[in-house]
PDB file of all heavy atoms in Angstrom:
ATOM      1  N   ARG A   1       3.045  -8.083   6.468  1.00  0.00           N
ATOM      2  CA  ARG A   1       2.634  -8.615   5.174  1.00  0.00           C
ATOM      3  C   ARG A   1       1.194  -8.175   4.917  1.00  0.00           C
ATOM      4  O   ARG A   1       0.351  -8.285   5.792  1.00  0.00           O
ATOM      5  CB  ARG A   1       2.688 -10.146   5.160  1.00  0.00           C
ATOM      6  CG  ARG A   1       4.031 -10.737   5.506  1.00  0.00           C
ATOM      7  CD  ARG A   1       4.987 -10.889   4.389  1.00  0.00           C
ATOM      8  NE  ARG A   1       4.584 -11.852   3.396  1.00  0.00           N
ATOM      9  CZ  ARG A   1       5.097 -11.861   2.170  1.00  0.00           C
ATOM     10  NH1 ARG A   1       5.990 -10.985   1.829  1.00  0.00           N
ATOM     11  NH2 ARG A   1       4.715 -12.745   1.296  1.00  0.00           N
ATOM     12  N   ILE A   2       0.945  -7.681   3.715  1.00  0.00           N
ATOM     13  CA  ILE A   2      -0.420  -7.281   3.376  1.00  0.00           C
ATOM     14  C   ILE A   2      -0.839  -7.917   2.057  1.00  0.00           C
ATOM     15  O   ILE A   2       0.000  -8.342   1.261  1.00  0.00           O
ATOM     16  CB  ILE A   2      -0.569  -5.742   3.284  1.00  0.00           C
ATOM     17  CG1 ILE A   2       0.304  -5.176   2.175  1.00  0.00           C
ATOM     18  CG2 ILE A   2      -0.266  -5.081   4.614  1.00  0.00           C
ATOM     19  CD1 ILE A   2      -0.003  -3.731   1.847  1.00  0.00           C
ATOM     20  N   SER A   3      -2.143  -7.984   1.860  1.00  0.00           N
ATOM     21  CA  SER A   3      -2.704  -8.507   0.619  1.00  0.00           C
ATOM     22  C   SER A   3      -3.541  -7.415  -0.035  1.00  0.00           C
ATOM     23  O   SER A   3      -4.439  -6.849   0.591  1.00  0.00           O
ATOM     24  CB  SER A   3      -3.571  -9.727   0.920  1.00  0.00           C
ATOM     25  OG  SER A   3      -4.200 -10.181  -0.253  1.00  0.00           O
ATOM     26  N   LEU A   4      -3.234  -7.131  -1.288  1.00  0.00           N
ATOM     27  CA  LEU A   4      -3.973  -6.136  -2.069  1.00  0.00           C
ATOM     28  C   LEU A   4      -4.401  -6.803  -3.374  1.00  0.00           C
ATOM     29  O   LEU A   4      -3.939  -6.453  -4.455  1.00  0.00           O
ATOM     30  CB  LEU A   4      -3.102  -4.910  -2.358  1.00  0.00           C
ATOM     31  CG  LEU A   4      -2.601  -4.127  -1.156  1.00  0.00           C
ATOM     32  CD1 LEU A   4      -1.622  -3.048  -1.589  1.00  0.00           C
ATOM     33  CD2 LEU A   4      -3.760  -3.519  -0.389  1.00  0.00           C
ATOM     34  N   ASN A   5      -5.282  -7.799  -3.267  1.00  0.00           N
ATOM     35  CA  ASN A   5      -5.597  -8.640  -4.417  1.00  0.00           C
ATOM     36  C   ASN A   5      -6.817  -8.185  -5.228  1.00  0.00           C
ATOM     37  O   ASN A   5      -7.340  -8.958  -6.014  1.00  0.00           O
ATOM     38  CB  ASN A   5      -5.764 -10.091  -3.975  1.00  0.00           C
ATOM     39  CG  ASN A   5      -6.787 -10.238  -2.855  1.00  0.00           C
ATOM     40  OD1 ASN A   5      -7.446  -9.278  -2.490  1.00  0.00           O
ATOM     41  ND2 ASN A   5      -6.897 -11.433  -2.317  1.00  0.00           N
ATOM     42  N   SER A   6      -7.260  -6.948  -5.030  1.00  0.00           N
ATOM     43  CA  SER A   6      -8.337  -6.418  -5.876  1.00  0.00           C
ATOM     44  C   SER A   6      -8.153  -4.907  -6.028  1.00  0.00           C
ATOM     45  O   SER A   6      -7.489  -4.262  -5.216  1.00  0.00           O
ATOM     46  CB  SER A   6      -9.710  -6.725  -5.275  1.00  0.00           C
ATOM     47  OG  SER A   6      -9.942  -5.917  -4.138  1.00  0.00           O
ATOM     48  N   ILE A   7      -8.772  -4.371  -7.059  1.00  0.00           N
ATOM     49  CA  ILE A   7      -8.676  -2.933  -7.311  1.00  0.00           C
ATOM     50  C   ILE A   7      -9.284  -2.148  -6.155  1.00  0.00           C
ATOM     51  O   ILE A   7      -8.727  -1.136  -5.717  1.00  0.00           O
ATOM     52  CB  ILE A   7      -9.365  -2.576  -8.653  1.00  0.00           C
ATOM     53  CG1 ILE A   7      -8.571  -3.183  -9.812  1.00  0.00           C
ATOM     54  CG2 ILE A   7      -9.486  -1.074  -8.832  1.00  0.00           C
ATOM     55  CD1 ILE A   7      -9.266  -3.088 -11.153  1.00  0.00           C
ATOM     56  N   ASP A   8     -10.411  -2.624  -5.640  1.00  0.00           N
ATOM     57  CA  ASP A   8     -11.057  -1.930  -4.519  1.00  0.00           C
ATOM     58  C   ASP A   8     -10.179  -1.918  -3.278  1.00  0.00           C
ATOM     59  O   ASP A   8     -10.137  -0.925  -2.553  1.00  0.00           O
ATOM     60  CB  ASP A   8     -12.410  -2.570  -4.196  1.00  0.00           C
ATOM     61  CG  ASP A   8     -13.434  -2.322  -5.295  1.00  0.00           C
ATOM     62  OD1 ASP A   8     -13.299  -1.302  -6.010  1.00  0.00           O
ATOM     63  OD2 ASP A   8     -14.358  -3.141  -5.444  1.00  0.00           O
ATOM     64  N   LYS A   9      -9.469  -3.037  -3.021  1.00  0.00           N
ATOM     65  CA  LYS A   9      -8.572  -3.081  -1.861  1.00  0.00           C
ATOM     66  C   LYS A   9      -7.414  -2.106  -2.031  1.00  0.00           C
ATOM     67  O   LYS A   9      -6.999  -1.465  -1.069  1.00  0.00           O
ATOM     68  CB  LYS A   9      -8.049  -4.505  -1.633  1.00  0.00           C
ATOM     69  CG  LYS A   9      -9.034  -5.410  -0.940  1.00  0.00           C
ATOM     70  CD  LYS A   9      -8.440  -6.764  -0.685  1.00  0.00           C
ATOM     71  CE  LYS A   9      -7.907  -6.833   0.722  1.00  0.00           C
ATOM     72  NZ  LYS A   9      -7.535  -8.206   1.109  1.00  0.00           N
ATOM     73  N   VAL A  10      -6.894  -1.985  -3.234  1.00  0.00           N
ATOM     74  CA  VAL A  10      -5.790  -1.046  -3.491  1.00  0.00           C
ATOM     75  C   VAL A  10      -6.255   0.377  -3.234  1.00  0.00           C
ATOM     76  O   VAL A  10      -5.586   1.148  -2.548  1.00  0.00           O
ATOM     77  CB  VAL A  10      -5.237  -1.208  -4.929  1.00  0.00           C
ATOM     78  CG1 VAL A  10      -4.262  -0.087  -5.253  1.00  0.00           C
ATOM     79  CG2 VAL A  10      -4.573  -2.564  -5.095  1.00  0.00           C
ATOM     80  N   LYS A  11      -7.431   0.728  -3.750  1.00  0.00           N
ATOM     81  CA  LYS A  11      -7.948   2.092  -3.554  1.00  0.00           C
ATOM     82  C   LYS A  11      -8.186   2.378  -2.069  1.00  0.00           C
ATOM     83  O   LYS A  11      -7.821   3.450  -1.578  1.00  0.00           O
ATOM     84  CB  LYS A  11      -9.232   2.290  -4.350  1.00  0.00           C
ATOM     85  CG  LYS A  11      -8.985   2.394  -5.851  1.00  0.00           C
ATOM     86  CD  LYS A  11     -10.185   2.937  -6.583  1.00  0.00           C
ATOM     87  CE  LYS A  11     -11.279   1.902  -6.694  1.00  0.00           C
ATOM     88  NZ  LYS A  11     -12.389   2.299  -7.581  1.00  0.00           N
ATOM     89  N   ALA A  12      -8.784   1.428  -1.363  1.00  0.00           N
ATOM     90  CA  ALA A  12      -9.047   1.613   0.069  1.00  0.00           C
ATOM     91  C   ALA A  12      -7.741   1.726   0.850  1.00  0.00           C
ATOM     92  O   ALA A  12      -7.613   2.557   1.759  1.00  0.00           O
ATOM     93  CB  ALA A  12      -9.888   0.453   0.604  1.00  0.00           C
ATOM     94  N   PHE A  13      -6.735   0.919   0.490  1.00  0.00           N
ATOM     95  CA  PHE A  13      -5.431   0.954   1.157  1.00  0.00           C
ATOM     96  C   PHE A  13      -4.762   2.313   0.976  1.00  0.00           C
ATOM     97  O   PHE A  13      -4.294   2.917   1.938  1.00  0.00           O
ATOM     98  CB  PHE A  13      -4.532  -0.170   0.619  1.00  0.00           C
ATOM     99  CG  PHE A  13      -3.139  -0.117   1.139  1.00  0.00           C
ATOM    100  CD1 PHE A  13      -2.837  -0.566   2.414  1.00  0.00           C
ATOM    101  CD2 PHE A  13      -2.111   0.404   0.363  1.00  0.00           C
ATOM    102  CE1 PHE A  13      -1.541  -0.497   2.907  1.00  0.00           C
ATOM    103  CE2 PHE A  13      -0.818   0.474   0.847  1.00  0.00           C
ATOM    104  CZ  PHE A  13      -0.537   0.023   2.124  1.00  0.00           C
ATOM    105  N   VAL A  14      -4.731   2.818  -0.255  1.00  0.00           N
ATOM    106  CA  VAL A  14      -4.099   4.110  -0.527  1.00  0.00           C
ATOM    107  C   VAL A  14      -4.829   5.216   0.224  1.00  0.00           C
ATOM    108  O   VAL A  14      -4.196   6.118   0.789  1.00  0.00           O
ATOM    109  CB  VAL A  14      -4.032   4.391  -2.049  1.00  0.00           C
ATOM    110  CG1 VAL A  14      -3.577   5.814  -2.321  1.00  0.00           C
ATOM    111  CG2 VAL A  14      -3.093   3.403  -2.719  1.00  0.00           C
ATOM    112  N   ASN A  15      -6.156   5.152   0.277  1.00  0.00           N
ATOM    113  CA  ASN A  15      -6.919   6.150   1.030  1.00  0.00           C
ATOM    114  C   ASN A  15      -6.536   6.145   2.508  1.00  0.00           C
ATOM    115  O   ASN A  15      -6.460   7.203   3.133  1.00  0.00           O
ATOM    116  CB  ASN A  15      -8.425   5.910   0.881  1.00  0.00           C
ATOM    117  CG  ASN A  15      -8.947   6.351  -0.462  1.00  0.00           C
ATOM    118  OD1 ASN A  15      -8.343   7.187  -1.131  1.00  0.00           O
ATOM    119  ND2 ASN A  15     -10.067   5.782  -0.864  1.00  0.00           N
ATOM    120  N   GLU A  16      -6.303   4.974   3.081  1.00  0.00           N
ATOM    121  CA  GLU A  16      -5.933   4.886   4.499  1.00  0.00           C
ATOM    122  C   GLU A  16      -4.514   5.405   4.755  1.00  0.00           C
ATOM    123  O   GLU A  16      -4.291   6.179   5.675  1.00  0.00           O
ATOM    124  CB  GLU A  16      -6.066   3.447   5.022  1.00  0.00           C
ATOM    125  CG  GLU A  16      -7.490   3.000   5.231  1.00  0.00           C
ATOM    126  CD  GLU A  16      -8.250   3.848   6.231  1.00  0.00           C
ATOM    127  OE1 GLU A  16      -7.673   4.287   7.244  1.00  0.00           O
ATOM    128  OE2 GLU A  16      -9.448   4.075   5.994  1.00  0.00           O
ATOM    129  N   VAL A  17      -3.534   4.955   3.960  1.00  0.00           N
ATOM    130  CA  VAL A  17      -2.144   5.356   4.245  1.00  0.00           C
ATOM    131  C   VAL A  17      -1.897   6.832   3.984  1.00  0.00           C
ATOM    132  O   VAL A  17      -1.040   7.428   4.627  1.00  0.00           O
ATOM    133  CB  VAL A  17      -1.091   4.480   3.508  1.00  0.00           C
ATOM    134  CG1 VAL A  17      -1.154   3.052   3.970  1.00  0.00           C
ATOM    135  CG2 VAL A  17      -1.214   4.586   2.007  1.00  0.00           C
ATOM    136  N   THR A  18      -2.653   7.442   3.078  1.00  0.00           N
ATOM    137  CA  THR A  18      -2.434   8.864   2.822  1.00  0.00           C
ATOM    138  C   THR A  18      -2.925   9.738   3.972  1.00  0.00           C
ATOM    139  O   THR A  18      -2.560  10.910   4.043  1.00  0.00           O
ATOM    140  CB  THR A  18      -3.110   9.320   1.510  1.00  0.00           C
ATOM    141  OG1 THR A  18      -4.485   8.959   1.535  1.00  0.00           O
ATOM    142  CG2 THR A  18      -2.433   8.708   0.304  1.00  0.00           C
ATOM    143  N   LYS A  19      -3.703   9.193   4.879  1.00  0.00           N
ATOM    144  CA  LYS A  19      -4.176   9.948   6.044  1.00  0.00           C
ATOM    145  C   LYS A  19      -3.067  10.157   7.083  1.00  0.00           C
ATOM    146  O   LYS A  19      -3.190  11.007   7.950  1.00  0.00           O
ATOM    147  CB  LYS A  19      -5.344   9.218   6.714  1.00  0.00           C
ATOM    148  CG  LYS A  19      -6.588   9.152   5.857  1.00  0.00           C
ATOM    149  CD  LYS A  19      -7.668   8.329   6.520  1.00  0.00           C
ATOM    150  CE  LYS A  19      -8.879   8.181   5.623  1.00  0.00           C
ATOM    151  NZ  LYS A  19      -9.895   7.295   6.214  1.00  0.00           N
ATOM    152  N   PHE A  20      -2.007   9.365   6.986  1.00  0.00           N
ATOM    153  CA  PHE A  20      -0.929   9.433   7.979  1.00  0.00           C
ATOM    154  C   PHE A  20       0.252  10.233   7.443  1.00  0.00           C
ATOM    155  O   PHE A  20       0.598  10.139   6.266  1.00  0.00           O
ATOM    156  CB  PHE A  20      -0.458   8.018   8.359  1.00  0.00           C
ATOM    157  CG  PHE A  20      -1.486   7.223   9.094  1.00  0.00           C
ATOM    158  CD1 PHE A  20      -2.247   6.268   8.454  1.00  0.00           C
ATOM    159  CD2 PHE A  20      -1.698   7.433  10.454  1.00  0.00           C
ATOM    160  CE1 PHE A  20      -3.202   5.530   9.135  1.00  0.00           C
ATOM    161  CE2 PHE A  20      -2.647   6.714  11.146  1.00  0.00           C
ATOM    162  CZ  PHE A  20      -3.399   5.763  10.480  1.00  0.00           C
ATOM    163  N   ASP A  21       0.878  10.992   8.346  1.00  0.00           N
ATOM    164  CA  ASP A  21       2.085  11.735   7.999  1.00  0.00           C
ATOM    165  C   ASP A  21       3.284  10.840   8.298  1.00  0.00           C
ATOM    166  O   ASP A  21       4.010  11.052   9.267  1.00  0.00           O
ATOM    167  CB  ASP A  21       2.155  13.031   8.810  1.00  0.00           C
ATOM    168  CG  ASP A  21       3.331  13.889   8.396  1.00  0.00           C
ATOM    169  OD1 ASP A  21       3.751  13.795   7.221  1.00  0.00           O
ATOM    170  OD2 ASP A  21       3.851  14.627   9.245  1.00  0.00           O
ATOM    171  N   ALA A  22       3.421   9.809   7.483  1.00  0.00           N
ATOM    172  CA  ALA A  22       4.495   8.828   7.665  1.00  0.00           C
ATOM    173  C   ALA A  22       4.892   8.301   6.293  1.00  0.00           C
ATOM    174  O   ALA A  22       4.161   8.461   5.325  1.00  0.00           O
ATOM    175  CB  ALA A  22       4.032   7.685   8.559  1.00  0.00           C
ATOM    176  N   GLU A  23       6.063   7.675   6.247  1.00  0.00           N
ATOM    177  CA  GLU A  23       6.532   7.071   5.007  1.00  0.00           C
ATOM    178  C   GLU A  23       6.164   5.589   5.010  1.00  0.00           C
ATOM    179  O   GLU A  23       6.348   4.890   6.009  1.00  0.00           O
ATOM    180  CB  GLU A  23       8.053   7.208   4.885  1.00  0.00           C
ATOM    181  CG  GLU A  23       8.525   8.642   4.766  1.00  0.00           C
ATOM    182  CD  GLU A  23       8.094   9.298   3.473  1.00  0.00           C
ATOM    183  OE1 GLU A  23       8.115   8.627   2.426  1.00  0.00           O
ATOM    184  OE2 GLU A  23       7.708  10.479   3.514  1.00  0.00           O
ATOM    185  N   PHE A  24       5.627   5.118   3.895  1.00  0.00           N
ATOM    186  CA  PHE A  24       5.267   3.720   3.728  1.00  0.00           C
ATOM    187  C   PHE A  24       5.892   3.207   2.437  1.00  0.00           C
ATOM    188  O   PHE A  24       5.753   3.857   1.394  1.00  0.00           O
ATOM    189  CB  PHE A  24       3.748   3.550   3.608  1.00  0.00           C
ATOM    190  CG  PHE A  24       2.968   3.997   4.814  1.00  0.00           C
ATOM    191  CD1 PHE A  24       2.518   5.301   4.920  1.00  0.00           C
ATOM    192  CD2 PHE A  24       2.674   3.107   5.825  1.00  0.00           C
ATOM    193  CE1 PHE A  24       1.787   5.718   6.020  1.00  0.00           C
ATOM    194  CE2 PHE A  24       1.937   3.510   6.927  1.00  0.00           C
ATOM    195  CZ  PHE A  24       1.496   4.808   7.023  1.00  0.00           C
ATOM    196  N   ASP A  25       6.554   2.053   2.490  1.00  0.00           N
ATOM    197  CA  ASP A  25       7.114   1.428   1.299  1.00  0.00           C
ATOM    198  C   ASP A  25       6.502   0.047   1.136  1.00  0.00           C
ATOM    199  O   ASP A  25       6.300  -0.672   2.120  1.00  0.00           O
ATOM    200  CB  ASP A  25       8.634   1.250   1.420  1.00  0.00           C
ATOM    201  CG  ASP A  25       9.379   2.570   1.427  1.00  0.00           C
ATOM    202  OD1 ASP A  25       8.916   3.512   0.753  1.00  0.00           O
ATOM    203  OD2 ASP A  25      10.420   2.649   2.095  1.00  0.00           O
ATOM    204  N   LEU A  26       6.220  -0.330  -0.110  1.00  0.00           N
ATOM    205  CA  LEU A  26       5.808  -1.692  -0.418  1.00  0.00           C
ATOM    206  C   LEU A  26       6.985  -2.381  -1.090  1.00  0.00           C
ATOM    207  O   LEU A  26       7.601  -1.824  -2.002  1.00  0.00           O
ATOM    208  CB  LEU A  26       4.588  -1.695  -1.344  1.00  0.00           C
ATOM    209  CG  LEU A  26       3.286  -1.263  -0.691  1.00  0.00           C
ATOM    210  CD1 LEU A  26       2.182  -1.132  -1.733  1.00  0.00           C
ATOM    211  CD2 LEU A  26       2.862  -2.241   0.386  1.00  0.00           C
ATOM    212  N   VAL A  27       7.291  -3.594  -0.624  1.00  0.00           N
ATOM    213  CA  VAL A  27       8.438  -4.339  -1.128  1.00  0.00           C
ATOM    214  C   VAL A  27       7.953  -5.658  -1.720  1.00  0.00           C
ATOM    215  O   VAL A  27       7.307  -6.450  -1.037  1.00  0.00           O
ATOM    216  CB  VAL A  27       9.459  -4.614  -0.006  1.00  0.00           C
ATOM    217  CG1 VAL A  27      10.661  -5.361  -0.555  1.00  0.00           C
ATOM    218  CG2 VAL A  27       9.876  -3.330   0.675  1.00  0.00           C
ATOM    219  N   SER A  28       8.242  -5.851  -2.987  1.00  0.00           N
ATOM    220  CA  SER A  28       7.898  -7.097  -3.673  1.00  0.00           C
ATOM    221  C   SER A  28       9.136  -7.539  -4.435  1.00  0.00           C
ATOM    222  O   SER A  28       9.500  -6.936  -5.448  1.00  0.00           O
ATOM    223  CB  SER A  28       6.726  -6.873  -4.624  1.00  0.00           C
ATOM    224  OG  SER A  28       6.410  -8.063  -5.315  1.00  0.00           O
ATOM    225  N   GLY A  29       9.794  -8.574  -3.914  1.00  0.00           N
ATOM    226  CA  GLY A  29      11.056  -9.003  -4.521  1.00  0.00           C
ATOM    227  C   GLY A  29      12.092  -7.908  -4.377  1.00  0.00           C
ATOM    228  O   GLY A  29      12.351  -7.425  -3.283  1.00  0.00           O
ATOM    229  N   ARG A  30      12.647  -7.465  -5.495  1.00  0.00           N
ATOM    230  CA  ARG A  30      13.656  -6.403  -5.445  1.00  0.00           C
ATOM    231  C   ARG A  30      13.071  -5.023  -5.687  1.00  0.00           C
ATOM    232  O   ARG A  30      13.794  -4.025  -5.721  1.00  0.00           O
ATOM    233  CB  ARG A  30      14.764  -6.679  -6.456  1.00  0.00           C
ATOM    234  CG  ARG A  30      14.273  -6.692  -7.861  1.00  0.00           C
ATOM    235  CD  ARG A  30      15.358  -7.041  -8.836  1.00  0.00           C
ATOM    236  NE  ARG A  30      14.814  -6.888 -10.181  1.00  0.00           N
ATOM    237  CZ  ARG A  30      15.527  -6.833 -11.264  1.00  0.00           C
ATOM    238  NH1 ARG A  30      16.821  -6.933 -11.180  1.00  0.00           N
ATOM    239  NH2 ARG A  30      14.963  -6.694 -12.426  1.00  0.00           N
ATOM    240  N   TYR A  31      11.754  -4.944  -5.877  1.00  0.00           N
ATOM    241  CA  TYR A  31      11.103  -3.671  -6.133  1.00  0.00           C
ATOM    242  C   TYR A  31      10.606  -3.030  -4.842  1.00  0.00           C
ATOM    243  O   TYR A  31       9.972  -3.680  -4.020  1.00  0.00           O
ATOM    244  CB  TYR A  31       9.920  -3.848  -7.092  1.00  0.00           C
ATOM    245  CG  TYR A  31      10.332  -4.384  -8.435  1.00  0.00           C
ATOM    246  CD1 TYR A  31      10.137  -5.716  -8.744  1.00  0.00           C
ATOM    247  CD2 TYR A  31      10.952  -3.561  -9.368  1.00  0.00           C
ATOM    248  CE1 TYR A  31      10.537  -6.227  -9.975  1.00  0.00           C
ATOM    249  CE2 TYR A  31      11.356  -4.051 -10.591  1.00  0.00           C
ATOM    250  CZ  TYR A  31      11.149  -5.387 -10.891  1.00  0.00           C
ATOM    251  OH  TYR A  31      11.562  -5.884 -12.095  1.00  0.00           O
ATOM    252  N   VAL A  32      10.888  -1.738  -4.689  1.00  0.00           N
ATOM    253  CA  VAL A  32      10.414  -0.965  -3.539  1.00  0.00           C
ATOM    254  C   VAL A  32       9.707   0.263  -4.103  1.00  0.00           C
ATOM    255  O   VAL A  32      10.302   1.028  -4.867  1.00  0.00           O
ATOM    256  CB  VAL A  32      11.580  -0.520  -2.629  1.00  0.00           C
ATOM    257  CG1 VAL A  32      11.067   0.316  -1.475  1.00  0.00           C
ATOM    258  CG2 VAL A  32      12.361  -1.719  -2.123  1.00  0.00           C
ATOM    259  N   ILE A  33       8.433   0.415  -3.733  1.00  0.00           N
ATOM    260  CA  ILE A  33       7.682   1.568  -4.232  1.00  0.00           C
ATOM    261  C   ILE A  33       6.995   2.281  -3.070  1.00  0.00           C
ATOM    262  O   ILE A  33       6.788   1.702  -2.004  1.00  0.00           O
ATOM    263  CB  ILE A  33       6.652   1.164  -5.323  1.00  0.00           C
ATOM    264  CG1 ILE A  33       5.631   0.160  -4.787  1.00  0.00           C
ATOM    265  CG2 ILE A  33       7.324   0.591  -6.536  1.00  0.00           C
ATOM    266  CD1 ILE A  33       4.299   0.769  -4.643  1.00  0.00           C
TER     267      ILE A  33
END
C-alpha cells in the first residue's frame, strides 16, 4: 500500500519507479494503471 497524496510525491514516485526495469501497476478499486 502506498500514499501519493501530493503532486510532489507523485513526481518523486514516478522518478523512482522509472529507474527500474520492472512492471508496476497501481490499483484503486477496479482501476489498474
